[in-house]
Protein backbone atom coordinates (compact mmCIF):
# COMPACT_ATOMS: atom_id res chain seq x y z
CA ASP A 1 1.50 -7.99 -17.93
CA PRO A 2 1.98 -7.24 -21.64
CA VAL A 3 4.34 -4.53 -22.78
CA ILE A 4 2.71 -2.36 -25.43
CA ASN A 5 4.77 -0.48 -28.01
CA ALA A 6 4.44 0.68 -31.60
CA ASP A 7 5.35 -2.72 -32.95
CA SER A 8 3.09 -4.95 -30.87
CA THR A 9 -0.59 -5.72 -30.79
CA LEU A 10 -2.66 -7.06 -27.92
CA THR A 11 -5.98 -8.74 -28.68
CA LEU A 12 -8.59 -9.08 -25.94
CA ALA A 13 -11.59 -11.40 -25.95
CA PRO A 14 -14.99 -9.94 -25.03
CA GLY A 15 -15.10 -9.22 -21.30
CA ALA A 16 -11.33 -9.66 -20.86
CA SER A 17 -8.99 -7.03 -19.42
CA SER A 18 -5.29 -6.29 -19.29
CA THR A 19 -2.96 -3.78 -17.65
CA VAL A 20 -0.95 -1.60 -20.02
CA HIS A 21 2.30 -0.24 -18.62
CA MET A 22 3.41 3.10 -20.07
CA THR A 23 6.69 4.85 -19.28
CA MET A 24 7.48 8.49 -20.01
CA THR A 25 11.01 9.83 -20.30
CA ALA A 26 10.88 13.62 -20.01
CA ASP A 27 13.33 15.79 -21.93
CA ALA A 28 11.87 19.20 -21.05
CA LEU A 29 10.15 21.05 -18.21
CA THR A 30 6.72 20.71 -19.68
CA THR A 31 3.55 18.68 -19.65
CA CYS A 32 2.94 16.43 -22.63
CA GLN A 33 0.00 14.27 -23.62
CA THR A 34 -0.64 11.46 -26.01
CA ASP A 35 -3.46 9.12 -26.98
CA LEU A 36 -3.74 5.42 -26.29
CA MET A 37 -5.90 3.99 -29.04
CA VAL A 38 -7.96 0.84 -28.46
CA ASP A 39 -9.50 -0.47 -31.64
CA SER A 40 -12.69 -2.47 -31.35
CA ASP A 41 -14.90 -4.49 -33.66
CA SER A 42 -17.92 -3.73 -31.47
CA VAL A 43 -20.69 -1.39 -32.56
CA PHE A 44 -19.05 1.37 -30.51
CA GLY A 45 -15.86 1.35 -32.60
CA PRO A 46 -12.43 2.59 -31.45
CA VAL A 47 -11.85 4.05 -27.97
CA THR A 48 -9.26 6.74 -27.25
CA VAL A 49 -7.75 7.25 -23.79
CA ARG A 50 -5.84 10.48 -23.11
CA VAL A 51 -2.67 10.00 -21.04
CA GLY A 52 -0.03 12.48 -19.95
CA GLY A 53 3.08 13.16 -17.94
CA GLU A 54 5.19 16.05 -16.72
CA GLY A 55 8.91 16.77 -16.79
CA THR A 56 10.19 18.28 -13.52
CA THR A 57 13.46 19.31 -11.88
CA ASP A 58 12.73 17.11 -8.85
CA HIS A 59 15.66 14.81 -9.53
CA SER A 60 17.20 14.51 -6.05
CA VAL A 61 15.83 11.97 -3.55
CA THR A 62 17.10 11.31 -0.01
CA ASP A 63 16.39 8.02 1.77
CA GLU A 64 17.23 7.64 5.47
CA PHE A 65 17.60 4.34 7.33
CA ILE A 66 18.14 3.60 11.03
CA GLN A 67 19.71 0.31 12.10
CA GLY A 68 18.14 -1.53 15.03
CA ASP A 69 19.72 -3.44 17.90
CA GLY A 70 20.51 -7.13 18.30
CA PRO A 71 21.46 -9.92 17.87
CA TRP A 72 18.31 -11.95 18.64
CA GLU A 73 17.77 -15.69 18.88
CA LYS A 74 13.97 -15.49 18.86
CA THR A 75 11.57 -13.42 16.79
CA ASP A 76 7.82 -12.91 16.89
CA LEU A 77 6.59 -11.95 13.43
CA PHE A 78 3.24 -10.21 13.02
CA LEU A 79 1.85 -9.84 9.49
CA TYR A 80 -0.99 -7.55 8.45
CA VAL A 81 -2.25 -7.64 4.86
CA ASP A 82 -4.66 -5.07 3.41
CA GLN A 83 -7.82 -6.87 2.25
CA SER A 84 -9.04 -4.30 -0.29
CA CYS A 85 -9.87 -5.68 -3.75
CA SER A 86 -6.72 -4.28 -5.40
CA MET A 87 -4.52 -6.41 -3.11
CA GLU A 88 -5.33 -9.86 -4.52
CA ASP A 89 -2.16 -10.08 -6.64
CA ASP A 90 -0.03 -8.87 -3.71
CA GLN A 91 -1.51 -11.55 -1.45
CA GLN A 92 -0.55 -14.13 -4.07
CA ASN A 93 2.96 -12.65 -4.23
CA LEU A 94 3.33 -13.04 -0.46
CA ALA A 95 2.21 -16.65 -0.57
CA ALA A 96 4.48 -17.46 -3.51
CA ASN A 97 7.51 -16.26 -1.53
CA PHE A 98 6.56 -17.69 1.87
CA ASN A 99 9.02 -20.60 1.62
CA GLN A 100 11.85 -18.15 1.02
CA LEU A 101 11.09 -16.50 4.36
CA VAL A 102 11.06 -19.89 6.10
CA GLN A 103 14.37 -20.85 4.49
CA ALA A 104 16.00 -17.52 5.36
CA LEU A 105 14.96 -17.85 9.02
CA ALA A 106 16.14 -21.46 9.10
CA ALA A 107 19.53 -20.47 7.69
CA LEU A 108 19.93 -18.05 10.60
CA ASP A 109 18.89 -20.76 13.09
CA MET A 110 16.05 -18.56 14.36
CA ASP A 111 13.39 -19.62 16.84
CA TRP A 112 10.47 -17.89 15.13
CA GLN A 113 6.70 -17.74 15.11
CA LEU A 114 4.40 -15.95 12.67
CA MET A 115 0.92 -14.59 13.30
CA VAL A 116 -1.34 -13.09 10.61
CA SER A 117 -4.18 -10.69 11.40
CA THR A 118 -6.41 -8.80 8.97
CA ASP A 119 -9.57 -7.99 10.94
CA ASP A 120 -10.27 -5.02 13.21
CA ASP A 121 -10.03 -7.04 16.44
CA GLY A 122 -6.39 -7.98 15.74
CA CYS A 123 -7.03 -11.67 16.50
CA HIS A 124 -4.87 -14.02 14.49
CA ASN A 125 -6.18 -15.76 11.37
CA GLY A 126 -5.68 -19.53 11.48
CA PRO A 127 -2.79 -21.11 13.39
CA ILE A 128 0.34 -19.35 14.60
CA LEU A 129 3.05 -20.77 12.35
CA THR A 130 6.48 -21.91 13.56
CA ASP A 131 9.49 -23.58 11.98
CA GLU A 132 7.85 -26.93 12.84
CA THR A 133 4.34 -26.10 11.60
CA SER A 134 4.96 -23.80 8.62
CA ASN A 135 2.58 -24.55 5.79
CA SER A 136 2.17 -22.62 2.54
CA ALA A 137 -1.48 -23.57 2.14
CA ASP A 138 -2.29 -22.33 5.65
CA PHE A 139 -0.34 -19.16 4.95
CA LEU A 140 -2.28 -18.33 1.78
CA SER A 141 -5.63 -18.77 3.52
CA MET A 142 -4.40 -16.58 6.37
CA VAL A 143 -3.27 -13.67 4.19
CA GLN A 144 -6.61 -13.82 2.36
CA GLY A 145 -8.45 -13.37 5.64
CA PRO A 146 -11.45 -11.42 6.92
CA ARG A 147 -11.66 -7.66 6.58
CA GLY A 148 -13.17 -4.93 8.71
CA ARG A 149 -13.61 -1.17 8.53
CA TYR A 150 -9.90 -0.62 9.24
CA THR A 151 -8.59 -2.90 6.49
CA GLU A 152 -6.57 0.03 5.08
CA ALA A 153 -5.21 1.06 8.51
CA GLY A 154 -2.37 -1.37 9.17
CA LEU A 155 -1.07 0.33 12.31
CA THR A 156 -4.56 0.20 13.85
CA ILE A 157 -4.79 -3.56 13.30
CA ALA A 158 -1.21 -4.06 14.53
CA LEU A 159 -2.00 -2.12 17.72
CA ALA A 160 -5.16 -4.17 18.26
CA ALA A 161 -3.15 -7.39 17.80
CA MET A 162 -0.46 -6.34 20.29
CA GLY A 163 -3.17 -5.34 22.78
CA GLU A 164 -4.56 -8.89 22.64
CA THR A 165 -1.27 -10.59 23.59
CA GLY A 166 -1.83 -10.32 27.35
CA SER A 167 -3.61 -12.71 29.69
CA GLY A 168 -7.03 -13.64 28.34
CA GLY A 169 -6.45 -12.00 24.95
CA CYS A 170 -7.05 -13.80 21.68
CA ASN A 171 -3.29 -13.59 20.95
CA GLU A 172 -2.22 -14.49 24.49
CA GLY A 173 1.42 -15.53 24.78
CA PHE A 174 2.47 -14.36 21.32
CA LEU A 175 5.01 -11.86 22.66
CA ARG A 176 7.85 -13.80 24.28
CA GLU A 177 10.56 -12.56 26.63
CA GLU A 178 13.92 -11.76 25.01
CA SER A 179 12.37 -11.98 21.56
CA LYS A 180 12.46 -9.47 18.71
CA THR A 181 9.02 -8.25 17.64
CA MET A 182 8.61 -7.54 13.93
CA LEU A 183 5.49 -5.98 12.44
CA ILE A 184 5.24 -6.59 8.69
CA LEU A 185 2.56 -4.38 7.16
CA VAL A 186 1.49 -4.85 3.53
CA SER A 187 -0.78 -2.36 1.76
CA ASP A 188 -1.14 -0.52 -1.54
CA GLU A 189 -2.83 2.46 0.15
CA VAL A 190 -1.85 5.35 2.40
CA GLU A 191 -1.89 4.32 6.10
CA GLN A 192 -5.38 5.38 7.24
CA SER A 193 -5.44 5.07 11.04
CA ARG A 194 -7.44 7.72 12.89
CA ASP A 195 -4.33 8.85 14.84
CA PRO A 196 -0.95 9.89 13.33
CA TRP A 197 1.63 7.18 12.67
CA ASN A 198 3.89 8.31 15.54
CA THR A 199 1.03 8.09 18.07
CA MET A 200 0.24 4.59 16.83
CA VAL A 201 3.87 3.50 17.09
CA ASP A 202 4.15 4.84 20.66
CA GLU A 203 1.06 2.86 21.65
CA ILE A 204 2.40 -0.30 19.99
CA HIS A 205 5.70 0.11 21.87
CA ALA A 206 3.77 0.16 25.15
CA TYR A 207 3.02 -3.54 24.47
CA ALA A 208 6.14 -4.50 22.48
CA PRO A 209 9.02 -2.12 23.34
CA ASN A 210 11.46 -3.44 20.71
CA ALA A 211 8.92 -3.72 17.88
CA SER A 212 10.06 -2.59 14.45
CA VAL A 213 7.84 -1.91 11.46
CA THR A 214 8.75 -3.29 8.05
CA ALA A 215 6.36 -2.08 5.37
CA ILE A 216 5.72 -3.42 1.88
CA ALA A 217 3.89 -0.45 0.42
CA GLY A 218 3.73 2.03 -2.45
CA ASP A 219 6.90 3.91 -3.41
CA TYR A 220 7.47 7.03 -1.35
CA PRO A 221 6.62 9.84 -1.98
CA TYR A 222 4.69 9.44 -5.26
CA GLY A 223 3.54 5.83 -5.39
CA CYS A 224 3.36 3.91 -8.67
CA TYR A 225 0.74 2.81 -11.19
CA THR A 226 -0.43 -0.03 -8.92
CA ALA A 227 -0.21 1.61 -5.49
CA GLU A 228 -0.54 4.90 -3.65
CA ALA A 229 2.51 6.16 -1.76
CA GLY A 230 2.90 4.36 1.56
CA ILE A 231 2.66 7.55 3.62
CA GLY A 232 2.55 6.66 7.32
CA TYR A 233 4.11 3.24 6.70
CA TYR A 234 7.26 4.87 5.35
CA GLU A 235 7.76 7.09 8.41
CA ALA A 236 6.96 4.28 10.87
CA SER A 237 9.47 1.92 9.26
CA LEU A 238 12.28 4.49 9.34
CA ALA A 239 11.55 5.52 12.93
CA THR A 240 11.57 1.94 14.27
CA GLY A 241 14.62 0.51 12.49
CA GLY A 242 12.62 -1.59 10.06
CA ALA A 243 12.72 -1.59 6.26
CA PHE A 244 10.52 0.08 3.66
CA LEU A 245 10.07 -2.21 0.67
CA SER A 246 8.29 -1.46 -2.59
CA ILE A 247 4.98 -3.20 -3.24
CA CYS A 248 5.37 -1.98 -6.83
CA ALA A 249 8.27 -4.33 -7.62
CA PRO A 250 7.32 -7.55 -9.44
CA ASP A 251 9.92 -9.67 -7.59
CA TRP A 252 9.73 -9.83 -3.79
CA GLY A 253 12.23 -12.66 -3.34
CA SER A 254 14.94 -10.53 -1.73
CA TYR A 255 12.49 -8.93 0.71
CA PHE A 256 12.29 -12.00 2.90
CA GLU A 257 16.03 -12.25 3.36
CA THR A 258 15.93 -8.60 4.48
CA ILE A 259 13.13 -9.41 6.94
CA ALA A 260 15.04 -12.42 8.29
CA ASN A 261 18.21 -10.36 8.81
CA ILE A 262 16.33 -7.68 10.73
CA ALA A 263 14.66 -10.40 12.81
CA ALA A 264 18.02 -11.94 13.74
CA THR A 265 20.21 -8.89 14.24
CA GLY A 266 17.97 -5.86 14.18
CA LYS A 267 20.15 -4.86 11.22
CA THR A 268 20.15 -5.30 7.48
CA ASP A 269 22.80 -4.99 4.77
CA THR A 270 20.25 -4.21 2.03
CA PHE A 271 18.55 -0.80 1.76
CA VAL A 272 15.86 -0.66 -0.91
CA LEU A 273 15.56 2.80 -2.48
CA THR A 274 12.27 4.57 -3.06
CA SER A 275 13.24 5.87 -6.52
CA ARG A 276 15.34 4.34 -9.28
CA PRO A 277 18.64 6.27 -9.49
CA ASP A 278 21.43 6.89 -11.92
CA PRO A 279 23.96 4.64 -10.11
CA ALA A 280 26.80 7.11 -10.73
CA SER A 281 24.90 9.79 -8.82
CA ILE A 282 24.48 7.88 -5.53
CA HIS A 283 26.10 9.27 -2.37
CA VAL A 284 26.04 7.18 0.83
CA TYR A 285 26.52 8.67 4.29
CA LEU A 286 27.07 6.76 7.54
CA ASN A 287 26.38 8.94 10.60
CA ASP A 288 26.68 12.02 8.34
CA VAL A 289 30.11 10.95 7.00
CA GLU A 290 30.25 10.06 3.31
CA SER A 291 31.26 6.46 2.62
CA SER A 292 32.71 5.70 -0.80
CA THR A 293 33.61 2.02 -0.21
CA GLY A 294 32.05 -1.09 1.26
CA TRP A 295 28.77 -0.87 -0.63
CA SER A 296 27.38 -1.28 -4.14
CA TYR A 297 24.19 -0.49 -5.98
CA GLN A 298 22.20 -3.51 -7.23
CA GLU A 299 19.59 -2.90 -9.90
CA THR A 300 17.54 -5.79 -8.52
CA PRO A 301 16.09 -5.07 -5.98
CA ASN A 302 16.98 -1.38 -6.56
CA ALA A 303 19.03 -1.24 -3.38
CA VAL A 304 22.28 -0.11 -1.84
CA VAL A 305 23.93 -3.27 -0.47
CA PHE A 306 26.79 -3.32 2.05
C-alpha cells in the first residue's frame, strides 16, 4: 500500500483504486479534522474527503494471557477462515505463510493434521493435510472455500466441525486420543454466533475437552482500518489458553511459530499485544507478581517475548 504524505503523489488510472493509510498523533484532548484532497482530470474535478481523529486519555491497556497444559506429541489443527469479500488479502497471507507453519511443526517433531472448514456444516474443505501430504496449492484452495450464512461466526462453524468428528460424521476420526486440539479462527469481523462466546466454547469442549482457540482477528478493543475488533474471538482465546494475534499486521510470519509452540506444549513464549506501547512503560506480571527480568519487548511482532 502506498504511503501518502505532503511530498508524494499517487496517480491512479481510470477504474483503479488504492488504500491510503493515515496516522494521527494527538497532542490535545480534542477532536480534529482535516481534508484529504483527490485531484481529478475528469469532468467532476477534485474530490475532498473529510477525515478526523480524537485525542483521549485512554492510554493504559491491560492484556491477560493464560498458559495451557502439555507437552503434546500430536496435534489436531482446525482452521476456519471468514469468507466475506474483505478477507481475500488475509486468505492470501495465510497461504503465503503456510510453509512456515509446516516447518515450525516439523522442527518440533509433531505428529500433526490440519483440517479447514468454511461452510455452515463444518465439513472439511479438500483433504486433511498431514506432514506427509502438506501442499500449498491445496491449502490455498481450502482457505478460499465455500461460504454459508454463518461465514462471520467462526465459533459456530468450529462447533459444527467438532460435532461431525464422531462415527458417521463428515469429519469422522479427526479428533485423536492423546492429541492437542487447536482451533485457529481467522476473521476481520466481530464474532457473530447466535450464542455468547462462552456458551460456544463450552459446547466445543464437550467434543474436544482440551481445545484451545487461537484467533487472528482485529485488534482489541478498537480494531484497525482494515478490521473490526475481534470481540468474542479475543475472549475465547484468552479463556482457552490460546493466542490472540492481530489480523491488522502486515507480517504474519511469527504467528505460525506461536501456533506450533502452543500445539506442542500448550504454552508459548511470545505474547502479541493488542496496542502498540511505549516500551519503557510496559509492566509484566506473572501470577500477579511483577517480573522485571526474563522477557523483552520486540517491536516486530509487537510482543512481549520470554
